[in-house]
Protein backbone atom coordinates (compact mmCIF):
# COMPACT_ATOMS: atom_id res chain seq x y z
CA TYR A 1 65.37 98.75 -60.31
CA ASP A 2 69.07 98.65 -59.71
CA VAL A 3 70.75 95.34 -60.52
CA THR A 4 74.05 94.59 -58.81
CA TYR A 5 76.26 91.78 -60.06
CA GLY A 6 78.93 90.09 -57.97
CA LEU A 7 81.49 87.56 -59.11
CA GLY A 8 79.93 84.10 -58.79
CA ALA A 9 76.80 85.45 -57.09
CA ALA A 10 73.22 85.81 -58.27
CA PRO A 11 72.25 89.35 -59.31
CA LYS A 12 70.66 91.45 -56.56
CA LEU A 13 67.64 93.58 -57.36
CA SER A 14 66.82 96.68 -55.36
CA VAL A 15 64.48 99.63 -55.68
CA PRO A 16 66.51 102.84 -55.54
CA GLU A 17 65.42 105.55 -53.12
CA LYS A 18 65.62 108.12 -55.88
CA ARG A 19 63.87 106.75 -58.99
CA GLU A 20 64.86 109.52 -61.42
CA LEU A 21 67.68 108.83 -63.86
CA SER A 22 70.90 110.74 -63.29
CA ALA A 23 72.37 112.99 -65.98
CA THR A 24 74.97 110.27 -66.65
CA GLU A 25 72.30 107.58 -67.05
CA ILE A 26 70.35 109.79 -69.44
CA ALA A 27 73.50 110.47 -71.47
CA GLN A 28 74.22 106.72 -71.58
CA PHE A 29 70.71 106.05 -72.89
CA HIS A 30 71.10 108.78 -75.55
CA ALA A 31 74.49 107.34 -76.60
CA ARG A 32 72.94 103.90 -76.97
CA THR A 33 70.02 105.28 -78.97
CA LEU A 34 72.28 107.34 -81.26
CA ALA A 35 74.43 104.30 -82.02
CA LEU A 36 71.38 102.17 -82.84
CA GLN A 37 70.23 104.85 -85.30
CA ASN A 38 73.53 104.67 -87.21
CA LEU A 39 73.74 101.11 -88.51
CA ASP A 40 74.42 100.54 -92.19
CA LEU A 41 75.32 96.85 -92.32
CA ARG A 42 72.71 94.89 -90.38
CA CYS A 43 73.54 91.24 -89.80
CA SER A 44 70.56 90.61 -87.55
CA PRO A 45 67.16 92.16 -87.03
CA HIS A 46 68.13 92.60 -83.37
CA TYR A 47 71.19 94.25 -81.80
CA ASN A 48 72.35 94.28 -78.19
CA PRO A 49 73.90 97.61 -77.22
CA VAL A 50 76.60 97.87 -74.55
CA ALA A 51 77.64 101.36 -73.39
CA PHE A 52 80.52 102.25 -71.05
CA LEU A 53 82.31 105.45 -70.23
CA GLU A 54 85.81 105.55 -71.72
CA PRO A 55 88.36 104.38 -69.14
CA ASN A 56 90.41 107.60 -69.35
CA GLY A 57 88.07 110.03 -71.03
CA PRO A 58 84.70 111.70 -70.88
CA ASN A 59 83.04 109.95 -73.84
CA TRP A 60 80.93 106.85 -74.21
CA LEU A 61 82.08 103.68 -75.95
CA VAL A 62 79.08 101.85 -77.40
CA TRP A 63 79.24 98.40 -78.94
CA LEU A 64 76.37 97.11 -81.03
CA ILE A 65 76.38 93.34 -81.03
CA PRO A 66 74.15 91.45 -83.49
CA ALA A 67 71.87 88.99 -81.73
CA ALA A 68 71.47 85.51 -83.18
CA THR A 69 67.91 84.35 -83.74
CA ASP A 70 68.98 80.70 -84.02
CA ALA A 71 70.77 79.07 -81.07
CA GLN A 72 73.17 77.31 -83.48
CA ASP A 73 74.32 80.56 -85.14
CA ILE A 74 77.53 82.39 -84.25
CA LEU A 75 77.37 85.88 -85.73
CA ILE A 76 80.92 86.91 -86.62
CA GLY A 77 80.05 89.98 -88.70
CA GLY A 78 78.01 93.10 -88.10
CA HIS A 79 79.56 94.33 -84.84
CA TYR A 80 80.07 98.07 -84.36
CA ARG A 81 82.05 100.23 -81.94
CA PHE A 82 81.07 103.88 -81.51
CA THR A 83 82.64 106.73 -79.61
CA ILE A 84 79.85 109.08 -78.53
CA SER A 85 80.19 112.44 -76.77
CA ALA A 86 79.80 112.62 -73.00
CA ASP A 87 76.28 114.04 -73.31
CA GLY A 88 75.27 111.21 -75.65
CA GLN A 89 74.28 113.58 -78.44
CA THR A 90 77.15 113.42 -80.96
CA ALA A 91 78.77 110.47 -82.71
CA ILE A 92 82.52 111.13 -82.72
CA GLN A 93 83.56 107.88 -84.38
CA ARG A 94 81.80 104.85 -85.85
CA GLU A 95 83.75 101.68 -86.57
CA LEU A 96 82.30 98.70 -88.37
CA LEU A 97 84.31 95.80 -86.96
CA SER A 98 83.79 93.58 -90.01
CA ARG A 99 83.14 93.99 -93.72
CA SER A 100 80.33 91.47 -94.10
CA CYS A 101 77.82 89.30 -92.31
CA LEU A 102 79.40 85.94 -91.54
CA THR A 103 77.47 83.30 -89.64
CA LEU A 104 79.20 80.18 -88.35
CA LYS A 105 77.46 77.21 -86.74
CA THR A 106 77.90 75.67 -83.29
CA VAL A 107 76.97 72.28 -84.77
CA THR A 108 78.24 70.64 -87.98
CA PRO A 109 75.79 69.08 -90.48
CA ASP A 110 76.47 65.66 -88.91
CA GLY A 111 75.44 66.98 -85.46
CA LYS A 112 78.90 67.36 -83.89
CA ARG A 113 80.35 70.42 -82.23
CA PRO A 114 83.40 71.75 -84.14
CA GLU A 115 86.70 71.75 -82.26
CA VAL A 116 87.46 75.24 -83.55
CA ASP A 117 85.97 77.86 -85.85
CA TRP A 118 88.17 79.63 -88.38
CA PHE A 119 87.50 82.83 -90.28
CA THR A 120 89.27 85.80 -91.86
CA GLN A 121 88.69 89.33 -90.70
CA LEU A 122 89.78 92.25 -92.84
CA VAL A 123 89.56 95.40 -90.69
CA ALA A 124 92.69 95.00 -88.51
CA ASN A 125 95.93 93.01 -88.31
CA GLN A 126 95.09 91.61 -84.89
CA PRO A 127 91.96 90.21 -83.26
CA LEU A 128 89.42 92.68 -81.91
CA GLU A 129 87.56 92.71 -78.62
CA VAL A 130 84.46 91.28 -80.31
CA HIS A 131 86.43 88.15 -81.20
CA VAL A 132 87.28 87.60 -77.53
CA TYR A 133 83.62 88.22 -76.66
CA ILE A 134 82.48 85.61 -79.24
CA ASN A 135 85.05 83.10 -77.94
CA LEU A 136 83.87 83.53 -74.35
CA LEU A 137 80.17 83.56 -75.25
CA TYR A 138 80.23 80.35 -77.30
CA LYS A 139 83.07 78.64 -75.41
CA MET A 140 84.66 77.70 -78.71
CA PRO A 141 88.27 78.31 -79.77
CA LEU A 142 88.61 80.64 -82.75
CA LEU A 143 91.31 80.90 -85.38
CA VAL A 144 91.42 84.26 -87.14
CA THR A 145 93.43 85.04 -90.25
CA MET A 146 94.35 88.70 -90.76
CA PRO A 147 95.00 90.80 -93.90
CA ASP A 148 98.75 90.56 -93.25
CA ARG A 149 98.34 86.73 -93.37
CA SER A 150 99.04 86.32 -89.66
CA LEU A 151 97.09 83.68 -87.76
CA TRP A 152 95.74 84.20 -84.26
CA LYS A 153 94.13 81.79 -81.82
CA ILE A 154 91.57 82.94 -79.27
CA ASP A 155 90.77 80.40 -76.57
CA GLN A 156 89.23 80.95 -73.13
CA GLY A 157 89.65 84.71 -73.61
CA HIS A 158 93.38 84.46 -74.35
CA VAL A 159 94.73 85.81 -77.66
CA THR A 160 97.86 84.23 -79.10
CA LYS A 161 99.63 84.76 -82.41
CA THR A 162 100.44 81.37 -83.90
CA ASP A 163 101.91 79.89 -87.06
CA LYS A 164 100.40 76.43 -86.88
CA VAL A 165 97.14 74.74 -86.09
CA VAL A 166 97.13 71.66 -83.89
CA PRO A 167 93.60 70.27 -83.32
CA GLY A 168 92.71 70.01 -79.65
CA LYS A 169 95.60 72.22 -78.44
């Protein structure tokens, strides 16, 4: 099936006239498979792969996103970004987007939802795309401290460098 998504609309399913995969679709599947075979740090037994062609290049960008097995878990660590050749056969670059497996909770021990989650990431001096993804997925503001001691807020997909924390703002 082909699945077509439109903004604010339900997905549309259709049976394609030609049911064979194209060379691009086969390469995308190979890129996904190659990335899944190259995990060292596993923060979940299950990973969701996402593969796109580079915006201005021939290669594939593949993200491996750890899947939570508990609805109250927010998996901060264990994300990967790969650059894979256009044919899906060669890993050009593998980036582990964290140094450890960190799991935060959507509910505090007393049953409340936190106003914000705060963590330190050590692989860059600015938030990464996975932090924006986590913010949007869990609809929870994030505060991220960087190795250079800078503090960043991610809220509703917007990334802002900040020097103070004001609850609820």
